[in-house]
Amino acid sequence: MGGIPCSLIRGGTSRGAYFQEKHLPADEVARDALLVRIMGGPDVLQVDGIGGGHPLTSKVAVIRQSPDSGIDVDYLFLQVDPHQQTVSSAQNCGNLLAGVGIFAIRENLVEAQQHETKVRVRMLNSHAVCHLVLQTPGGEVDSRGDTSIDGVPGTSAPIVCNYLDIAGSSCGALLPTGHEVDTFDGMEATCVDNGMPVVVLRASHFGLSGVESPEELDINEVLKQQLEVIRLQAGRAMKLGDVHAKSIPKMCLVSPPRSGGAIMTRTFIPHVCHKSIGVLGAVSVATACLTADSITRELAKVPDGKTKRMQVEHPGGSMEVHLDLDDAGQVVSAGIVRTARLLFSGEVMV
């Protein structure tokens, strides 16, 4: 096989390879083996591929024009694990989602408008829908702008991501276990799925301050073993089955905010500590903060009003999440601002 059309796009705080579905094998086993090779497997550092030797830079977006009215493109996210050499479709990725609009317009799957363009995306991993609003002056994507996001140097044009009906996207319910607090391996946890299945735990219960660096946490083998024991138990309780080989649920250690935000986080994805926090992971954690009896109840600082603008703090800074509530106090929509930038477009050789 020769070259395959591919674009490398930085979406949010991640980087991934974007492909049109028609350019990849239809057979999933053959497709996944090809993607592992493209990323640089079986080498953990992925030196012979386009991955970066880290889960945040070893991601894939597969795009097709949607056959359904009301949807422009379908997006399948695939996580290539550089350590286990596996490919998982078990979760969404809100960071790579931010780059889907750029790819769709450049690939002529969506026609750009004169000032801004809405791209209606169905996330095939969960069948949830997100509307992306991109800046397209003169009918072309323009990534230049003054919007900054923590974890990414410089500024870019804003991409507004409006998520529709994402509660229970992977587990079937916002609180998949049916409880606001569960106990796993002697530790209290709140399990929530508002776009991403997350197990929320107090950092203090593990003898941590909650502001340790990702590097410190990555070498804490005792902590990582504890978290994996809890994750395997929580996965079954969240109706995800045996999650030993799955990239969900994510594990999030929370502590009081330090910089005026709603909550401080340290997230494992699931075995490496995130340098910041995933988009949908932040939405789920912010949602946990609104749950009356969750384990965040004495930690989180929640603003008043039916529209909550909440800064979820993380190792690289913070991420602002907008949650709209109905009269009963239930979350009905979630919005977030991301940026994305095309890094190259061409062919990847295999």
Protein backbone atom coordinates (compact mmCIF):
# COMPACT_ATOMS: atom_id res chain seq x y z
CA MET A 1 0.00 0.00 0.00
CA GLY A 2 1.26 3.48 -0.83
CA GLY A 3 0.17 6.77 0.67
CA ILE A 4 -3.17 7.46 2.36
CA PRO A 5 -4.69 10.98 2.39
CA CYS A 6 -4.37 12.33 5.91
CA SER A 7 -4.47 15.58 7.83
CA LEU A 8 -2.71 16.17 11.14
CA ILE A 9 -4.71 18.61 13.24
CA ARG A 10 -4.21 19.97 16.73
CA GLY A 11 -7.66 19.87 18.27
CA GLY A 12 -7.93 21.50 21.69
CA THR A 13 -5.11 20.10 23.82
CA SER A 14 -4.70 16.95 21.71
CA ARG A 15 -3.27 16.11 18.30
CA GLY A 16 -4.60 13.55 15.89
CA ALA A 17 -4.62 12.11 12.40
CA TYR A 18 -7.82 12.80 10.44
CA PHE A 19 -8.96 10.50 7.63
CA GLN A 20 -11.96 10.20 5.39
CA GLU A 21 -13.60 6.85 6.10
CA LYS A 22 -13.42 5.85 2.43
CA HIS A 23 -9.61 5.96 2.51
CA LEU A 24 -9.32 3.33 5.26
CA PRO A 25 -10.08 -0.42 5.16
CA ALA A 26 -13.74 -1.24 5.77
CA ASP A 27 -12.77 -4.21 7.91
CA GLU A 28 -12.20 -2.99 11.48
CA VAL A 29 -9.41 -5.44 12.26
CA ALA A 30 -7.47 -4.42 9.14
CA ARG A 31 -8.21 -0.74 9.80
CA ASP A 32 -6.96 -0.88 13.39
CA ALA A 33 -3.78 -2.74 12.43
CA LEU A 34 -3.11 -0.10 9.78
CA LEU A 35 -3.65 2.76 12.23
CA VAL A 36 -1.30 1.22 14.79
CA ARG A 37 1.36 1.04 12.07
CA ILE A 38 0.67 4.58 10.85
CA MET A 39 1.06 5.91 14.40
CA GLY A 40 4.39 4.10 14.79
CA GLY A 41 3.59 0.83 16.54
CA PRO A 42 4.80 -1.45 17.94
CA ASP A 43 7.35 1.08 19.23
CA VAL A 44 6.06 2.82 22.38
CA LEU A 45 7.76 6.07 21.32
CA GLN A 46 6.14 5.75 17.86
CA VAL A 47 9.36 7.07 16.33
CA ASP A 48 8.60 5.41 12.96
CA GLY A 49 5.12 6.94 12.70
CA ILE A 50 3.17 10.15 13.19
CA GLY A 51 2.12 9.51 16.79
CA GLY A 52 3.84 11.30 19.63
CA GLY A 53 4.37 8.45 22.10
CA HIS A 54 1.57 9.71 24.36
CA PRO A 55 -2.21 9.05 24.38
CA LEU A 56 -2.88 12.76 23.76
CA THR A 57 -0.91 12.67 20.50
CA SER A 58 -1.90 9.17 19.38
CA LYS A 59 -5.48 9.82 18.32
CA VAL A 60 -7.46 9.30 15.13
CA ALA A 61 -10.60 10.90 13.70
CA VAL A 62 -12.46 9.08 10.93
CA ILE A 63 -14.92 11.29 9.05
CA ARG A 64 -17.64 10.68 6.49
CA GLN A 65 -20.44 12.73 5.01
CA SER A 66 -23.55 11.83 6.95
CA PRO A 67 -26.48 10.20 5.12
CA ASP A 68 -28.93 11.71 7.59
CA SER A 69 -30.69 15.05 7.20
CA GLY A 70 -29.86 17.50 9.95
CA ILE A 71 -26.32 16.13 10.26
CA ASP A 72 -23.40 17.22 8.09
CA VAL A 73 -20.70 14.70 8.99
CA ASP A 74 -20.29 11.59 11.10
CA TYR A 75 -17.17 11.42 13.28
CA LEU A 76 -15.66 8.29 14.76
CA PHE A 77 -12.94 8.75 17.37
CA LEU A 78 -10.29 6.06 17.79
CA GLN A 79 -7.73 6.05 20.60
CA VAL A 80 -4.49 4.34 19.65
CA ASP A 81 -2.71 3.25 22.82
CA PRO A 82 1.07 3.50 22.26
CA HIS A 83 1.78 1.24 25.24
CA GLN A 84 -0.69 -1.57 24.64
CA GLN A 85 -0.79 -1.20 20.84
CA THR A 86 -4.58 -1.29 20.87
CA VAL A 87 -7.25 0.78 19.16
CA SER A 88 -10.40 1.69 21.09
CA SER A 89 -13.68 3.25 19.98
CA ALA A 90 -15.16 3.09 23.49
CA GLN A 91 -15.19 6.84 24.07
CA ASN A 92 -15.70 10.23 22.47
CA CYS A 93 -12.98 12.87 22.24
CA GLY A 94 -14.11 16.46 22.54
CA ASN A 95 -10.65 17.82 21.77
CA LEU A 96 -10.32 16.12 18.39
CA LEU A 97 -13.95 17.02 17.74
CA ALA A 98 -12.84 20.67 17.61
CA GLY A 99 -10.82 19.87 14.48
CA VAL A 100 -13.62 18.03 12.67
CA GLY A 101 -15.07 21.22 11.21
CA ILE A 102 -11.72 22.30 9.77
CA PHE A 103 -11.25 18.88 8.16
CA ALA A 104 -14.81 18.70 6.84
CA ILE A 105 -14.58 22.08 5.13
CA ARG A 106 -11.13 21.47 3.66
CA GLU A 107 -12.26 18.08 2.35
CA ASN A 108 -15.35 19.66 0.74
CA LEU A 109 -17.71 17.67 2.94
CA VAL A 110 -19.25 20.93 4.18
CA GLU A 111 -19.53 24.22 2.31
CA ALA A 112 -18.13 27.19 4.21
CA GLN A 113 -20.27 30.30 4.60
CA GLN A 114 -19.10 33.88 4.29
CA HIS A 115 -18.55 34.79 7.95
CA GLU A 116 -19.04 31.77 10.18
CA THR A 117 -20.05 28.20 9.48
CA LYS A 118 -21.99 25.73 11.59
CA VAL A 119 -20.93 22.11 11.16
CA ARG A 120 -23.40 19.60 12.58
CA VAL A 121 -21.48 16.55 13.79
CA ARG A 122 -22.76 13.19 14.94
CA MET A 123 -20.28 11.45 17.24
CA LEU A 124 -20.53 7.80 16.20
CA ASN A 125 -18.98 6.58 19.44
CA SER A 126 -22.10 7.64 21.34
CA HIS A 127 -24.50 8.89 18.61
CA ALA A 128 -24.66 12.24 20.39
CA VAL A 129 -24.67 15.44 18.35
CA CYS A 130 -22.51 18.55 18.58
CA HIS A 131 -22.82 21.76 16.57
CA LEU A 132 -19.46 23.39 15.84
CA VAL A 133 -19.34 27.08 14.93
CA LEU A 134 -16.17 28.07 13.05
CA GLN A 135 -14.88 31.40 11.83
CA THR A 136 -14.86 31.37 7.99
CA PRO A 137 -14.29 34.92 6.71
CA GLY A 138 -14.62 35.01 2.94
CA GLY A 139 -15.80 31.40 2.93
CA GLU A 140 -12.49 29.94 4.13
CA VAL A 141 -11.37 28.49 7.45
CA ASP A 142 -9.20 30.98 9.32
CA SER A 143 -7.45 29.68 12.43
CA ARG A 144 -6.02 33.08 13.34
CA GLY A 145 -7.57 34.77 16.34
CA ASP A 146 -7.12 35.96 19.89
CA THR A 147 -8.65 33.04 21.78
CA SER A 148 -6.31 31.14 24.06
CA ILE A 149 -6.87 27.84 25.85
CA ASP A 150 -4.73 26.60 28.69
CA GLY A 151 -2.35 23.87 27.62
CA VAL A 152 -1.77 25.31 24.13
CA PRO A 153 0.71 28.12 23.40
CA GLY A 154 -0.40 31.21 21.49
CA THR A 155 -3.88 32.12 20.30
CA SER A 156 -6.26 30.96 17.58
CA ALA A 157 -9.78 31.54 16.30
CA PRO A 158 -12.50 30.29 18.65
CA ILE A 159 -14.51 27.17 17.83
CA VAL A 160 -17.74 27.00 19.80
CA CYS A 161 -18.80 23.43 20.61
CA ASN A 162 -22.47 23.08 21.58
CA TYR A 163 -23.22 19.55 22.80
CA LEU A 164 -26.78 18.28 22.53
CA ASP A 165 -28.25 15.44 24.61
CA ILE A 166 -25.00 13.85 25.81
CA ALA A 167 -26.16 12.65 29.24
CA GLY A 168 -25.54 8.92 29.53
CA SER A 169 -23.82 8.83 26.14
CA SER A 170 -21.78 5.71 26.94
CA CYS A 171 -23.47 4.27 30.03
CA GLY A 172 -27.14 4.98 29.36
CA ALA A 173 -27.67 7.32 32.32
CA LEU A 174 -26.18 10.49 33.76
CA LEU A 175 -25.55 8.64 37.03
CA PRO A 176 -24.86 5.15 35.64
CA THR A 177 -24.85 3.32 38.99
CA GLY A 178 -28.11 4.93 40.08
CA HIS A 179 -26.37 6.50 43.09
CA GLU A 180 -24.77 9.86 43.74
CA VAL A 181 -22.08 8.18 45.85
CA ASP A 182 -20.70 4.64 45.57
CA THR A 183 -17.94 2.89 47.47
CA PHE A 184 -15.25 0.94 45.62
CA ASP A 185 -12.35 -0.69 47.45
CA GLY A 186 -13.24 1.38 50.51
CA MET A 187 -13.16 4.70 48.61
CA GLU A 188 -16.19 6.95 48.03
CA ALA A 189 -16.76 7.90 44.40
CA THR A 190 -19.27 9.65 42.18
CA CYS A 191 -19.74 8.05 38.77
CA VAL A 192 -21.07 10.38 36.08
CA ASP A 193 -21.49 10.25 32.31
CA ASN A 194 -22.34 13.57 30.69
CA GLY A 195 -20.46 12.88 27.47
CA MET A 196 -17.59 10.96 29.09
CA PRO A 197 -17.78 8.25 31.78
CA VAL A 198 -15.78 9.54 34.75
CA VAL A 199 -15.17 8.23 38.25
CA VAL A 200 -14.71 11.23 40.54
CA LEU A 201 -12.68 10.69 43.73
CA ARG A 202 -11.29 12.99 46.39
CA ALA A 203 -7.54 13.43 46.14
CA SER A 204 -7.32 13.72 49.92
CA HIS A 205 -8.60 10.16 50.33
CA PHE A 206 -5.35 9.00 48.71
CA GLY A 207 -3.17 11.20 50.88
CA LEU A 208 -2.73 13.76 48.08
CA SER A 209 -3.10 17.53 48.00
CA GLY A 210 -4.62 17.44 44.52
CA VAL A 211 -2.05 19.81 43.01
CA GLU A 212 0.70 17.26 42.36
CA SER A 213 2.17 17.47 38.87
CA PRO A 214 1.26 14.85 36.25
CA GLU A 215 4.88 13.70 36.36
CA GLU A 216 4.69 13.07 40.10
CA LEU A 217 1.44 11.15 39.74
CA ASP A 218 2.68 9.09 36.80
CA ILE A 219 5.49 7.59 38.87
CA ASN A 220 3.24 6.91 41.87
CA GLU A 221 2.75 3.20 41.17
CA VAL A 222 0.86 2.56 44.42
CA LEU A 223 -1.69 5.23 43.50
CA LYS A 224 -2.05 3.93 39.94
CA GLN A 225 -2.65 0.39 41.20
CA GLN A 226 -5.29 1.66 43.63
CA LEU A 227 -7.03 3.60 40.87
CA GLU A 228 -7.04 0.59 38.54
CA VAL A 229 -8.65 -1.63 41.17
CA ILE A 230 -11.37 1.00 41.63
CA ARG A 231 -11.73 1.53 37.88
CA LEU A 232 -12.38 -2.16 37.22
CA GLN A 233 -15.05 -2.25 39.92
CA ALA A 234 -16.62 1.04 38.82
CA GLY A 235 -16.65 -0.02 35.17
CA ARG A 236 -18.95 -2.93 35.94
CA ALA A 237 -21.14 -0.79 38.20
CA MET A 238 -21.42 1.79 35.38
CA LYS A 239 -22.66 -0.94 33.00
CA LEU A 240 -19.47 -0.83 30.92
CA GLY A 241 -18.58 -4.46 31.65
CA ASP A 242 -14.96 -5.53 31.93
CA VAL A 243 -12.98 -2.34 31.28
CA HIS A 244 -9.53 -3.88 31.69
CA ALA A 245 -8.70 -3.24 28.02
CA LYS A 246 -10.91 -0.15 27.64
CA SER A 247 -9.96 3.52 27.83
CA ILE A 248 -13.05 4.34 29.90
CA PRO A 249 -14.02 5.22 32.51
CA LYS A 250 -11.57 8.03 33.20
CA MET A 251 -10.42 8.50 36.80
CA CYS A 252 -10.50 12.03 38.20
CA LEU A 253 -9.05 13.14 41.53
CA VAL A 254 -10.64 16.38 42.76
CA SER A 255 -9.71 18.94 45.38
CA PRO A 256 -10.75 22.52 46.24
CA PRO A 257 -10.08 25.10 43.48
CA ARG A 258 -6.92 27.19 43.84
CA SER A 259 -7.42 29.91 41.21
CA GLY A 260 -11.01 31.04 41.58
CA GLY A 261 -12.52 28.18 39.59
CA ALA A 262 -15.12 25.57 40.49
CA ILE A 263 -12.92 22.53 41.21
CA MET A 264 -9.33 21.34 40.84
CA THR A 265 -8.72 18.13 38.90
CA ARG A 266 -6.10 15.52 38.14
CA THR A 267 -7.39 13.07 35.52
CA PHE A 268 -6.03 9.68 34.51
CA ILE A 269 -6.87 8.67 30.91
CA PRO A 270 -7.00 6.02 32.32
CA HIS A 271 -3.41 5.01 33.20
CA VAL A 272 -1.51 8.21 32.38
CA CYS A 273 -2.19 11.54 34.09
CA HIS A 274 -3.61 14.12 31.67
CA LYS A 275 -1.54 17.28 31.22
CA SER A 276 -4.83 19.21 31.35
CA ILE A 277 -8.30 17.60 31.10
CA GLY A 278 -10.42 16.25 28.27
CA VAL A 279 -13.30 18.38 27.01
CA LEU A 280 -16.07 15.91 27.76
CA GLY A 281 -14.29 14.84 30.93
CA ALA A 282 -14.49 18.46 32.10
CA VAL A 283 -18.21 18.54 31.27
CA SER A 284 -18.81 15.39 33.33
CA VAL A 285 -16.78 16.68 36.29
CA ALA A 286 -18.59 20.04 36.19
CA THR A 287 -21.88 18.12 36.15
CA ALA A 288 -20.78 16.14 39.21
CA CYS A 289 -20.25 19.46 40.99
CA LEU A 290 -23.95 20.24 40.48
CA THR A 291 -25.06 16.91 41.93
CA ALA A 292 -26.28 17.68 45.42
CA ASP A 293 -24.78 14.76 47.31
CA SER A 294 -21.75 13.94 45.15
CA ILE A 295 -18.28 13.66 46.65
CA THR A 296 -17.57 17.20 45.34
CA ARG A 297 -20.20 18.77 47.63
CA GLU A 298 -17.75 20.23 50.16
CA LEU A 299 -15.07 21.06 47.60
CA ALA A 300 -16.71 22.75 44.61
CA LYS A 301 -17.52 26.43 44.22
CA VAL A 302 -20.67 26.53 42.08
CA PRO A 303 -22.01 29.84 40.69
CA ASP A 304 -25.65 30.85 41.01
CA GLY A 305 -28.16 30.94 38.17
CA LYS A 306 -29.58 28.53 35.59
CA THR A 307 -26.58 28.99 33.31
CA LYS A 308 -23.41 27.89 35.02
CA ARG A 309 -20.07 29.18 33.71
CA MET A 310 -17.61 26.97 35.54
CA GLN A 311 -13.83 26.94 35.37
CA VAL A 312 -12.57 23.39 35.79
CA GLU A 313 -8.98 23.74 36.98
CA HIS A 314 -6.32 21.29 35.78
CA PRO A 315 -2.49 21.02 35.68
CA GLY A 316 -2.22 23.32 32.66
CA GLY A 317 -4.64 26.01 33.86
CA SER A 318 -8.43 25.75 33.52
CA MET A 319 -11.22 24.99 31.06
CA GLU A 320 -14.49 26.91 31.05
CA VAL A 321 -17.64 24.80 30.82
CA HIS A 322 -21.11 26.28 30.22
CA LEU A 323 -23.98 24.21 31.58
CA ASP A 324 -27.63 25.21 31.02
CA LEU A 325 -30.18 23.92 33.53
CA ASP A 326 -33.93 23.49 33.28
CA ASP A 327 -36.41 24.51 35.99
CA ALA A 328 -35.81 21.22 37.78
CA GLY A 329 -32.07 21.87 37.94
CA GLN A 330 -31.20 19.22 35.35
CA VAL A 331 -28.45 19.86 32.79
CA VAL A 332 -30.01 20.26 29.32
CA SER A 333 -27.02 21.43 27.27
CA ALA A 334 -23.28 21.93 27.55
CA GLY A 335 -21.03 24.30 25.67
CA ILE A 336 -17.32 24.88 25.53
CA VAL A 337 -14.90 26.99 23.50
CA ARG A 338 -11.92 25.25 21.89
CA THR A 339 -9.39 26.08 19.22
CA ALA A 340 -7.84 23.90 16.52
CA ARG A 341 -5.17 24.25 13.85
CA LEU A 342 -4.30 22.29 10.74
CA LEU A 343 -0.65 21.19 11.01
CA PHE A 344 -0.28 19.42 7.69
CA SER A 345 -2.33 17.81 4.97
CA GLY A 346 -1.01 15.27 2.50
CA GLU A 347 -0.36 11.54 2.44
CA VAL A 348 0.95 9.31 5.19
CA MET A 349 3.10 6.47 3.87
CA VAL A 350 2.49 2.91 5.02
